[in-house]
Amino acid sequence: MNKGNAQCNQEKTQFDVKLQTLHLRNLSTDVTEQDIINFFGLKSTKHLEKKCQVQMPSSNIPGEEISFAFITAPSHVTNELVKLNGVNIKGKNIIIEKAQT
């Protein structure tokens, strides 16, 4: 399973966009960063492609699976994504909440 970072360019444009981070929990262990990107449409526009980032931490313990991820995206996007709390991805209802800072 790909557990690196799906990096997006976060350069500032003439329109400064406020970014927020969401915490996704209860993911199936076979969910990949690409699954998250595709499911939520995080690369569906040039703007999102430049501003979005998905992170899935990996464990240093052999055999231990991580079942959470972080999405960083413009606040207007994260405000809509959090409304999908409880959506089913690959057989599990995931928990979507704003990350604690």
PDB file of N, CA and C in Angstrom:
ATOM      1  N   MET A   1       0.847  -1.173   0.000  1.00  0.00           N
ATOM      2  CA  MET A   1       0.000   0.000   0.000  1.00  0.00           C
ATOM      3  C   MET A   1       0.894   1.239   0.000  1.00  0.00           C
ATOM      4  N   ASN A   2       0.570   2.196  -0.839  1.00  0.00           N
ATOM      5  CA  ASN A   2       1.330   3.431  -0.920  1.00  0.00           C
ATOM      6  C   ASN A   2       0.998   4.297   0.277  1.00  0.00           C
ATOM      7  N   LYS A   3       2.004   4.542   1.125  1.00  0.00           N
ATOM      8  CA  LYS A   3       1.752   5.347   2.325  1.00  0.00           C
ATOM      9  C   LYS A   3       2.636   6.580   2.374  1.00  0.00           C
ATOM     10  N   GLY A   4       3.191   6.978   1.215  1.00  0.00           N
ATOM     11  CA  GLY A   4       3.974   8.208   1.170  1.00  0.00           C
ATOM     12  C   GLY A   4       3.024   9.381   1.158  1.00  0.00           C
ATOM     13  N   ASN A   5       3.516  10.519   0.781  1.00  0.00           N
ATOM     14  CA  ASN A   5       2.666  11.701   0.709  1.00  0.00           C
ATOM     15  C   ASN A   5       2.281  11.980  -0.730  1.00  0.00           C
ATOM     16  N   ALA A   6       1.025  12.305  -0.948  1.00  0.00           N
ATOM     17  CA  ALA A   6       0.572  12.789  -2.246  1.00  0.00           C
ATOM     18  C   ALA A   6       0.688  14.303  -2.145  1.00  0.00           C
ATOM     19  N   GLN A   7       1.785  14.833  -2.600  1.00  0.00           N
ATOM     20  CA  GLN A   7       2.075  16.249  -2.422  1.00  0.00           C
ATOM     21  C   GLN A   7       1.417  17.090  -3.506  1.00  0.00           C
ATOM     22  N   CYS A   8       0.887  18.232  -3.120  1.00  0.00           N
ATOM     23  CA  CYS A   8       0.360  19.221  -4.041  1.00  0.00           C
ATOM     24  C   CYS A   8       1.089  20.526  -3.758  1.00  0.00           C
ATOM     25  N   ASN A   9       1.290  21.297  -4.779  1.00  0.00           N
ATOM     26  CA  ASN A   9       1.956  22.584  -4.634  1.00  0.00           C
ATOM     27  C   ASN A   9       1.074  23.528  -3.829  1.00  0.00           C
ATOM     28  N   GLN A  10       1.618  24.128  -2.773  1.00  0.00           N
ATOM     29  CA  GLN A  10       0.847  25.042  -1.943  1.00  0.00           C
ATOM     30  C   GLN A  10       1.348  26.481  -2.080  1.00  0.00           C
ATOM     31  N   GLU A  11       1.747  26.865  -3.311  1.00  0.00           N
ATOM     32  CA  GLU A  11       2.218  28.228  -3.542  1.00  0.00           C
ATOM     33  C   GLU A  11       1.070  29.200  -3.345  1.00  0.00           C
ATOM     34  N   LYS A  12       1.410  30.394  -2.857  1.00  0.00           N
ATOM     35  CA  LYS A  12       0.399  31.436  -2.715  1.00  0.00           C
ATOM     36  C   LYS A  12       0.135  32.039  -4.091  1.00  0.00           C
ATOM     37  N   THR A  13      -1.112  32.362  -4.338  1.00  0.00           N
ATOM     38  CA  THR A  13      -1.509  33.022  -5.568  1.00  0.00           C
ATOM     39  C   THR A  13      -1.960  34.425  -5.209  1.00  0.00           C
ATOM     40  N   GLN A  14      -2.462  35.154  -6.188  1.00  0.00           N
ATOM     41  CA  GLN A  14      -2.949  36.493  -5.885  1.00  0.00           C
ATOM     42  C   GLN A  14      -4.154  36.430  -4.952  1.00  0.00           C
ATOM     43  N   PHE A  15      -4.833  35.291  -4.907  1.00  0.00           N
ATOM     44  CA  PHE A  15      -5.937  35.086  -3.988  1.00  0.00           C
ATOM     45  C   PHE A  15      -5.437  34.150  -2.898  1.00  0.00           C
ATOM     46  N   ASP A  16      -5.109  34.696  -1.744  1.00  0.00           N
ATOM     47  CA  ASP A  16      -4.593  33.890  -0.644  1.00  0.00           C
ATOM     48  C   ASP A  16      -5.708  32.987  -0.125  1.00  0.00           C
ATOM     49  N   VAL A  17      -5.481  31.687  -0.193  1.00  0.00           N
ATOM     50  CA  VAL A  17      -6.483  30.711   0.193  1.00  0.00           C
ATOM     51  C   VAL A  17      -6.139  30.151   1.560  1.00  0.00           C
ATOM     52  N   LYS A  18      -7.117  30.160   2.475  1.00  0.00           N
ATOM     53  CA  LYS A  18      -6.911  29.589   3.802  1.00  0.00           C
ATOM     54  C   LYS A  18      -7.047  28.073   3.702  1.00  0.00           C
ATOM     55  N   LEU A  19      -6.026  27.373   4.170  1.00  0.00           N
ATOM     56  CA  LEU A  19      -6.033  25.913   4.148  1.00  0.00           C
ATOM     57  C   LEU A  19      -6.413  25.374   5.518  1.00  0.00           C
ATOM     58  N   GLN A  20      -7.151  24.271   5.527  1.00  0.00           N
ATOM     59  CA  GLN A  20      -7.520  23.584   6.759  1.00  0.00           C
ATOM     60  C   GLN A  20      -7.189  22.109   6.600  1.00  0.00           C
ATOM     61  N   THR A  21      -7.010  21.442   7.725  1.00  0.00           N
ATOM     62  CA  THR A  21      -6.686  20.020   7.710  1.00  0.00           C
ATOM     63  C   THR A  21      -7.816  19.217   8.336  1.00  0.00           C
ATOM     64  N   LEU A  22      -8.167  18.127   7.664  1.00  0.00           N
ATOM     65  CA  LEU A  22      -9.158  17.184   8.170  1.00  0.00           C
ATOM     66  C   LEU A  22      -8.466  15.905   8.594  1.00  0.00           C
ATOM     67  N   HIS A  23      -9.010  15.264   9.596  1.00  0.00           N
ATOM     68  CA  HIS A  23      -8.533  13.970  10.081  1.00  0.00           C
ATOM     69  C   HIS A  23      -9.569  12.935   9.661  1.00  0.00           C
ATOM     70  N   LEU A  24      -9.151  11.929   8.906  1.00  0.00           N
ATOM     71  CA  LEU A  24     -10.014  10.832   8.495  1.00  0.00           C
ATOM     72  C   LEU A  24      -9.647   9.620   9.326  1.00  0.00           C
ATOM     73  N   ARG A  25     -10.627   9.050  10.017  1.00  0.00           N
ATOM     74  CA  ARG A  25     -10.380   7.878  10.861  1.00  0.00           C
ATOM     75  C   ARG A  25     -11.255   6.712  10.407  1.00  0.00           C
ATOM     76  N   ASN A  26     -10.915   5.547  10.899  1.00  0.00           N
ATOM     77  CA  ASN A  26     -11.648   4.316  10.628  1.00  0.00           C
ATOM     78  C   ASN A  26     -11.561   3.893   9.161  1.00  0.00           C
ATOM     79  N   LEU A  27     -10.435   4.208   8.518  1.00  0.00           N
ATOM     80  CA  LEU A  27     -10.236   3.788   7.132  1.00  0.00           C
ATOM     81  C   LEU A  27      -9.933   2.304   7.075  1.00  0.00           C
ATOM     82  N   SER A  28     -10.387   1.672   6.020  1.00  0.00           N
ATOM     83  CA  SER A  28      -9.985   0.293   5.755  1.00  0.00           C
ATOM     84  C   SER A  28      -8.484   0.294   5.492  1.00  0.00           C
ATOM     85  N   THR A  29      -7.808  -0.761   5.906  1.00  0.00           N
ATOM     86  CA  THR A  29      -6.351  -0.800   5.747  1.00  0.00           C
ATOM     87  C   THR A  29      -5.920  -0.906   4.287  1.00  0.00           C
ATOM     88  N   ASP A  30      -6.849  -1.192   3.374  1.00  0.00           N
ATOM     89  CA  ASP A  30      -6.457  -1.239   1.964  1.00  0.00           C
ATOM     90  C   ASP A  30      -6.774   0.054   1.215  1.00  0.00           C
ATOM     91  N   VAL A  31      -7.206   1.106   1.921  1.00  0.00           N
ATOM     92  CA  VAL A  31      -7.418   2.414   1.300  1.00  0.00           C
ATOM     93  C   VAL A  31      -6.065   3.072   1.068  1.00  0.00           C
ATOM     94  N   THR A  32      -5.878   3.616  -0.125  1.00  0.00           N
ATOM     95  CA  THR A  32      -4.627   4.294  -0.480  1.00  0.00           C
ATOM     96  C   THR A  32      -4.855   5.802  -0.588  1.00  0.00           C
ATOM     97  N   GLU A  33      -3.771   6.540  -0.672  1.00  0.00           N
ATOM     98  CA  GLU A  33      -3.878   7.985  -0.893  1.00  0.00           C
ATOM     99  C   GLU A  33      -4.631   8.267  -2.184  1.00  0.00           C
ATOM    100  N   GLN A  34      -4.344   7.487  -3.211  1.00  0.00           N
ATOM    101  CA  GLN A  34      -5.019   7.689  -4.495  1.00  0.00           C
ATOM    102  C   GLN A  34      -6.518   7.434  -4.377  1.00  0.00           C
ATOM    103  N   ASP A  35      -6.920   6.463  -3.564  1.00  0.00           N
ATOM    104  CA  ASP A  35      -8.348   6.223  -3.321  1.00  0.00           C
ATOM    105  C   ASP A  35      -9.009   7.464  -2.729  1.00  0.00           C
ATOM    106  N   ILE A  36      -8.346   8.079  -1.763  1.00  0.00           N
ATOM    107  CA  ILE A  36      -8.886   9.276  -1.107  1.00  0.00           C
ATOM    108  C   ILE A  36      -8.967  10.431  -2.105  1.00  0.00           C
ATOM    109  N   ILE A  37      -7.898  10.626  -2.859  1.00  0.00           N
ATOM    110  CA  ILE A  37      -7.870  11.692  -3.865  1.00  0.00           C
ATOM    111  C   ILE A  37      -9.010  11.508  -4.862  1.00  0.00           C
ATOM    112  N   ASN A  38      -9.181  10.295  -5.358  1.00  0.00           N
ATOM    113  CA  ASN A  38     -10.231  10.020  -6.344  1.00  0.00           C
ATOM    114  C   ASN A  38     -11.624  10.143  -5.741  1.00  0.00           C
ATOM    115  N   PHE A  39     -11.835   9.574  -4.556  1.00  0.00           N
ATOM    116  CA  PHE A  39     -13.154   9.573  -3.930  1.00  0.00           C
ATOM    117  C   PHE A  39     -13.656  10.994  -3.677  1.00  0.00           C
ATOM    118  N   PHE A  40     -12.782  11.865  -3.177  1.00  0.00           N
ATOM    119  CA  PHE A  40     -13.181  13.227  -2.833  1.00  0.00           C
ATOM    120  C   PHE A  40     -12.930  14.235  -3.956  1.00  0.00           C
ATOM    121  N   GLY A  41     -12.400  13.786  -5.091  1.00  0.00           N
ATOM    122  CA  GLY A  41     -12.185  14.680  -6.229  1.00  0.00           C
ATOM    123  C   GLY A  41     -11.133  15.743  -5.978  1.00  0.00           C
ATOM    124  N   LEU A  42     -10.098  15.401  -5.236  1.00  0.00           N
ATOM    125  CA  LEU A  42      -9.106  16.399  -4.827  1.00  0.00           C
ATOM    126  C   LEU A  42      -8.182  16.854  -5.949  1.00  0.00           C
ATOM    127  N   LYS A  43      -8.257  16.220  -7.105  1.00  0.00           N
ATOM    128  CA  LYS A  43      -7.456  16.649  -8.260  1.00  0.00           C
ATOM    129  C   LYS A  43      -8.364  17.018  -9.430  1.00  0.00           C
ATOM    130  N   SER A  44      -9.649  17.271  -9.143  1.00  0.00           N
ATOM    131  CA  SER A  44     -10.622  17.484 -10.208  1.00  0.00           C
ATOM    132  C   SER A  44     -10.489  18.835 -10.912  1.00  0.00           C
ATOM    133  N   THR A  45      -9.780  19.772 -10.296  1.00  0.00           N
ATOM    134  CA  THR A  45      -9.517  21.063 -10.950  1.00  0.00           C
ATOM    135  C   THR A  45      -8.053  21.427 -10.746  1.00  0.00           C
ATOM    136  N   LYS A  46      -7.564  22.336 -11.566  1.00  0.00           N
ATOM    137  CA  LYS A  46      -6.173  22.802 -11.420  1.00  0.00           C
ATOM    138  C   LYS A  46      -5.963  23.434 -10.049  1.00  0.00           C
ATOM    139  N   HIS A  47      -6.959  24.184  -9.570  1.00  0.00           N
ATOM    140  CA  HIS A  47      -6.859  24.833  -8.261  1.00  0.00           C
ATOM    141  C   HIS A  47      -6.685  23.788  -7.156  1.00  0.00           C
ATOM    142  N   LEU A  48      -7.551  22.762  -7.156  1.00  0.00           N
ATOM    143  CA  LEU A  48      -7.450  21.729  -6.130  1.00  0.00           C
ATOM    144  C   LEU A  48      -6.150  20.951  -6.265  1.00  0.00           C
ATOM    145  N   GLU A  49      -5.755  20.691  -7.479  1.00  0.00           N
ATOM    146  CA  GLU A  49      -4.508  19.955  -7.707  1.00  0.00           C
ATOM    147  C   GLU A  49      -3.318  20.692  -7.091  1.00  0.00           C
ATOM    148  N   LYS A  50      -3.342  22.019  -7.142  1.00  0.00           N
ATOM    149  CA  LYS A  50      -2.252  22.820  -6.581  1.00  0.00           C
ATOM    150  C   LYS A  50      -2.341  22.960  -5.067  1.00  0.00           C
ATOM    151  N   LYS A  51      -3.549  22.950  -4.511  1.00  0.00           N
ATOM    152  CA  LYS A  51      -3.734  23.289  -3.100  1.00  0.00           C
ATOM    153  C   LYS A  51      -3.904  22.095  -2.162  1.00  0.00           C
ATOM    154  N   CYS A  52      -4.220  20.927  -2.680  1.00  0.00           N
ATOM    155  CA  CYS A  52      -4.563  19.793  -1.814  1.00  0.00           C
ATOM    156  C   CYS A  52      -3.376  18.902  -1.494  1.00  0.00           C
ATOM    157  N   GLN A  53      -3.458  18.292  -0.326  1.00  0.00           N
ATOM    158  CA  GLN A  53      -2.428  17.347   0.106  1.00  0.00           C
ATOM    159  C   GLN A  53      -3.111  16.248   0.922  1.00  0.00           C
ATOM    160  N   VAL A  54      -2.720  15.006   0.655  1.00  0.00           N
ATOM    161  CA  VAL A  54      -3.194  13.869   1.438  1.00  0.00           C
ATOM    162  C   VAL A  54      -1.980  13.234   2.088  1.00  0.00           C
ATOM    163  N   GLN A  55      -2.079  12.952   3.371  1.00  0.00           N
ATOM    164  CA  GLN A  55      -0.997  12.287   4.100  1.00  0.00           C
ATOM    165  C   GLN A  55      -1.553  11.057   4.798  1.00  0.00           C
ATOM    166  N   MET A  56      -0.871   9.934   4.584  1.00  0.00           N
ATOM    167  CA  MET A  56      -1.210   8.695   5.283  1.00  0.00           C
ATOM    168  C   MET A  56       0.054   8.232   5.991  1.00  0.00           C
ATOM    169  N   PRO A  57       0.121   8.451   7.289  1.00  0.00           N
ATOM    170  CA  PRO A  57       1.316   8.034   8.033  1.00  0.00           C
ATOM    171  C   PRO A  57       1.521   6.524   7.924  1.00  0.00           C
ATOM    172  N   SER A  58       2.761   6.118   7.989  1.00  0.00           N
ATOM    173  CA  SER A  58       3.062   4.684   7.990  1.00  0.00           C
ATOM    174  C   SER A  58       3.666   4.313   9.340  1.00  0.00           C
ATOM    175  N   SER A  59       3.529   3.059   9.686  1.00  0.00           N
ATOM    176  CA  SER A  59       4.033   2.564  10.962  1.00  0.00           C
ATOM    177  C   SER A  59       5.443   2.018  10.786  1.00  0.00           C
ATOM    178  N   ASN A  60       6.252   2.193  11.806  1.00  0.00           N
ATOM    179  CA  ASN A  60       7.598   1.599  11.815  1.00  0.00           C
ATOM    180  C   ASN A  60       7.572   0.168  12.331  1.00  0.00           C
ATOM    181  N   ILE A  61       6.411  -0.267  12.810  1.00  0.00           N
ATOM    182  CA  ILE A  61       6.262  -1.614  13.351  1.00  0.00           C
ATOM    183  C   ILE A  61       5.800  -2.543  12.234  1.00  0.00           C
ATOM    184  N   PRO A  62       6.587  -3.578  11.909  1.00  0.00           N
ATOM    185  CA  PRO A  62       6.201  -4.491  10.833  1.00  0.00           C
ATOM    186  C   PRO A  62       4.830  -5.122  11.092  1.00  0.00           C
ATOM    187  N   GLY A  63       3.994  -5.116  10.059  1.00  0.00           N
ATOM    188  CA  GLY A  63       2.677  -5.729  10.160  1.00  0.00           C
ATOM    189  C   GLY A  63       1.599  -4.835  10.742  1.00  0.00           C
ATOM    190  N   GLU A  64       1.980  -3.701  11.326  1.00  0.00           N
ATOM    191  CA  GLU A  64       0.985  -2.795  11.898  1.00  0.00           C
ATOM    192  C   GLU A  64       0.432  -1.893  10.796  1.00  0.00           C
ATOM    193  N   GLU A  65      -0.868  -1.896  10.645  1.00  0.00           N
ATOM    194  CA  GLU A  65      -1.527  -1.086   9.624  1.00  0.00           C
ATOM    195  C   GLU A  65      -2.050   0.210  10.239  1.00  0.00           C
ATOM    196  N   ILE A  66      -1.984   1.270   9.488  1.00  0.00           N
ATOM    197  CA  ILE A  66      -2.500   2.572   9.908  1.00  0.00           C
ATOM    198  C   ILE A  66      -3.855   2.772   9.237  1.00  0.00           C
ATOM    199  N   SER A  67      -4.850   3.193   9.993  1.00  0.00           N
ATOM    200  CA  SER A  67      -6.185   3.349   9.424  1.00  0.00           C
ATOM    201  C   SER A  67      -6.697   4.787   9.552  1.00  0.00           C
ATOM    202  N   PHE A  68      -5.796   5.747   9.342  1.00  0.00           N
ATOM    203  CA  PHE A  68      -6.215   7.141   9.340  1.00  0.00           C
ATOM    204  C   PHE A  68      -5.392   7.924   8.328  1.00  0.00           C
ATOM    205  N   ALA A  69      -5.877   9.117   8.006  1.00  0.00           N
ATOM    206  CA  ALA A  69      -5.190   9.977   7.039  1.00  0.00           C
ATOM    207  C   ALA A  69      -5.546  11.427   7.351  1.00  0.00           C
ATOM    208  N   PHE A  70      -4.818  12.322   6.701  1.00  0.00           N
ATOM    209  CA  PHE A  70      -5.084  13.748   6.809  1.00  0.00           C
ATOM    210  C   PHE A  70      -5.270  14.312   5.407  1.00  0.00           C
ATOM    211  N   ILE A  71      -6.225  15.215   5.267  1.00  0.00           N
ATOM    212  CA  ILE A  71      -6.410  15.961   4.025  1.00  0.00           C
ATOM    213  C   ILE A  71      -6.236  17.427   4.363  1.00  0.00           C
ATOM    214  N   THR A  72      -5.355  18.105   3.647  1.00  0.00           N
ATOM    215  CA  THR A  72      -5.228  19.553   3.749  1.00  0.00           C
ATOM    216  C   THR A  72      -5.746  20.136   2.440  1.00  0.00           C
ATOM    217  N   ALA A  73      -6.695  21.055   2.553  1.00  0.00           N
ATOM    218  CA  ALA A  73      -7.343  21.623   1.379  1.00  0.00           C
ATOM    219  C   ALA A  73      -7.877  23.015   1.731  1.00  0.00           C
ATOM    220  N   PRO A  74      -8.280  23.778   0.731  1.00  0.00           N
ATOM    221  CA  PRO A  74      -8.892  25.078   1.016  1.00  0.00           C
ATOM    222  C   PRO A  74     -10.098  24.921   1.941  1.00  0.00           C
ATOM    223  N   SER A  75     -10.300  25.907   2.805  1.00  0.00           N
ATOM    224  CA  SER A  75     -11.344  25.802   3.827  1.00  0.00           C
ATOM    225  C   SER A  75     -12.733  25.602   3.232  1.00  0.00           C
ATOM    226  N   HIS A  76     -13.018  26.203   2.086  1.00  0.00           N
ATOM    227  CA  HIS A  76     -14.346  26.005   1.497  1.00  0.00           C
ATOM    228  C   HIS A  76     -14.547  24.554   1.061  1.00  0.00           C
ATOM    229  N   VAL A  77     -13.473  23.858   0.751  1.00  0.00           N
ATOM    230  CA  VAL A  77     -13.545  22.439   0.382  1.00  0.00           C
ATOM    231  C   VAL A  77     -13.689  21.581   1.639  1.00  0.00           C
ATOM    232  N   THR A  78     -12.875  21.852   2.657  1.00  0.00           N
ATOM    233  CA  THR A  78     -12.944  21.037   3.879  1.00  0.00           C
ATOM    234  C   THR A  78     -14.306  21.195   4.559  1.00  0.00           C
ATOM    235  N   ASN A  79     -14.903  22.384   4.469  1.00  0.00           N
ATOM    236  CA  ASN A  79     -16.232  22.589   5.057  1.00  0.00           C
ATOM    237  C   ASN A  79     -17.269  21.677   4.406  1.00  0.00           C
ATOM    238  N   GLU A  80     -17.106  21.398   3.127  1.00  0.00           N
ATOM    239  CA  GLU A  80     -18.022  20.486   2.434  1.00  0.00           C
ATOM    240  C   GLU A  80     -17.663  19.027   2.705  1.00  0.00           C
ATOM    241  N   LEU A  81     -16.374  18.711   2.749  1.00  0.00           N
ATOM    242  CA  LEU A  81     -15.959  17.322   2.977  1.00  0.00           C
ATOM    243  C   LEU A  81     -16.386  16.815   4.348  1.00  0.00           C
ATOM    244  N   VAL A  82     -16.356  17.672   5.359  1.00  0.00           N
ATOM    245  CA  VAL A  82     -16.721  17.241   6.711  1.00  0.00           C
ATOM    246  C   VAL A  82     -18.206  16.840   6.769  1.00  0.00           C
ATOM    247  N   LYS A  83     -19.004  17.339   5.852  1.00  0.00           N
ATOM    248  CA  LYS A  83     -20.415  16.964   5.779  1.00  0.00           C
ATOM    249  C   LYS A  83     -20.591  15.510   5.336  1.00  0.00           C
ATOM    250  N   LEU A  84     -19.533  14.908   4.785  1.00  0.00           N
ATOM    251  CA  LEU A  84     -19.586  13.518   4.337  1.00  0.00           C
ATOM    252  C   LEU A  84     -19.212  12.541   5.449  1.00  0.00           C
ATOM    253  N   ASN A  85     -19.098  13.027   6.669  1.00  0.00           N
ATOM    254  CA  ASN A  85     -18.791  12.164   7.801  1.00  0.00           C
ATOM    255  C   ASN A  85     -19.714  10.948   7.800  1.00  0.00           C
ATOM    256  N   GLY A  86     -19.131   9.759   7.921  1.00  0.00           N
ATOM    257  CA  GLY A  86     -19.915   8.527   7.940  1.00  0.00           C
ATOM    258  C   GLY A  86     -20.033   7.846   6.586  1.00  0.00           C
ATOM    259  N   VAL A  87     -19.507   8.472   5.540  1.00  0.00           N
ATOM    260  CA  VAL A  87     -19.573   7.883   4.202  1.00  0.00           C
ATOM    261  C   VAL A  87     -18.798   6.564   4.179  1.00  0.00           C
ATOM    262  N   ASN A  88     -19.250   5.629   3.347  1.00  0.00           N
ATOM    263  CA  ASN A  88     -18.630   4.315   3.267  1.00  0.00           C
ATOM    264  C   ASN A  88     -17.582   4.292   2.162  1.00  0.00           C
ATOM    265  N   ILE A  89     -16.351   3.970   2.545  1.00  0.00           N
ATOM    266  CA  ILE A  89     -15.258   3.788   1.584  1.00  0.00           C
ATOM    267  C   ILE A  89     -14.673   2.407   1.813  1.00  0.00           C
ATOM    268  N   LYS A  90     -14.743   1.579   0.789  1.00  0.00           N
ATOM    269  CA  LYS A  90     -14.208   0.212   0.831  1.00  0.00           C
ATOM    270  C   LYS A  90     -14.716  -0.571   2.038  1.00  0.00           C
ATOM    271  N   GLY A  91     -16.023  -0.458   2.295  1.00  0.00           N
ATOM    272  CA  GLY A  91     -16.651  -1.278   3.318  1.00  0.00           C
ATOM    273  C   GLY A  91     -16.626  -0.746   4.737  1.00  0.00           C
ATOM    274  N   LYS A  92     -16.082   0.452   4.952  1.00  0.00           N
ATOM    275  CA  LYS A  92     -16.050   1.023   6.304  1.00  0.00           C
ATOM    276  C   LYS A  92     -16.602   2.441   6.273  1.00  0.00           C
ATOM    277  N   ASN A  93     -17.401   2.747   7.280  1.00  0.00           N
ATOM    278  CA  ASN A  93     -17.899   4.114   7.439  1.00  0.00           C
ATOM    279  C   ASN A  93     -16.803   4.933   8.106  1.00  0.00           C
ATOM    280  N   ILE A  94     -16.328   5.933   7.395  1.00  0.00           N
ATOM    281  CA  ILE A  94     -15.197   6.697   7.918  1.00  0.00           C
ATOM    282  C   ILE A  94     -15.674   7.896   8.730  1.00  0.00           C
ATOM    283  N   ILE A  95     -14.803   8.347   9.608  1.00  0.00           N
ATOM    284  CA  ILE A  95     -15.066   9.516  10.441  1.00  0.00           C
ATOM    285  C   ILE A  95     -14.230  10.666   9.878  1.00  0.00           C
ATOM    286  N   ILE A  96     -14.897  11.761   9.565  1.00  0.00           N
ATOM    287  CA  ILE A  96     -14.217  12.942   9.017  1.00  0.00           C
ATOM    288  C   ILE A  96     -14.451  14.079   9.999  1.00  0.00           C
ATOM    289  N   GLU A  97     -13.349  14.642  10.495  1.00  0.00           N
ATOM    290  CA  GLU A  97     -13.466  15.768  11.424  1.00  0.00           C
ATOM    291  C   GLU A  97     -12.304  16.718  11.216  1.00  0.00           C
ATOM    292  N   LYS A  98     -12.514  17.958  11.627  1.00  0.00           N
ATOM    293  CA  LYS A  98     -11.429  18.932  11.528  1.00  0.00           C
ATOM    294  C   LYS A  98     -10.317  18.522  12.484  1.00  0.00           C
ATOM    295  N   ALA A  99      -9.087  18.584  12.001  1.00  0.00           N
ATOM    296  CA  ALA A  99      -7.938  18.175  12.811  1.00  0.00           C
ATOM    297  C   ALA A  99      -7.704  19.186  13.922  1.00  0.00           C
ATOM    298  N   GLN A 100      -7.278  18.686  15.081  1.00  0.00           N
ATOM    299  CA  GLN A 100      -6.932  19.556  16.204  1.00  0.00           C
ATOM    300  C   GLN A 100      -5.576  20.190  15.927  1.00  0.00           C
ATOM    301  N   THR A 101      -5.478  21.472  16.205  1.00  0.00           N
ATOM    302  CA  THR A 101      -4.205  22.165  15.973  1.00  0.00           C
ATOM    303  C   THR A 101      -3.536  22.507  17.276  1.00  0.00           C
TER     304      THR A 101
END
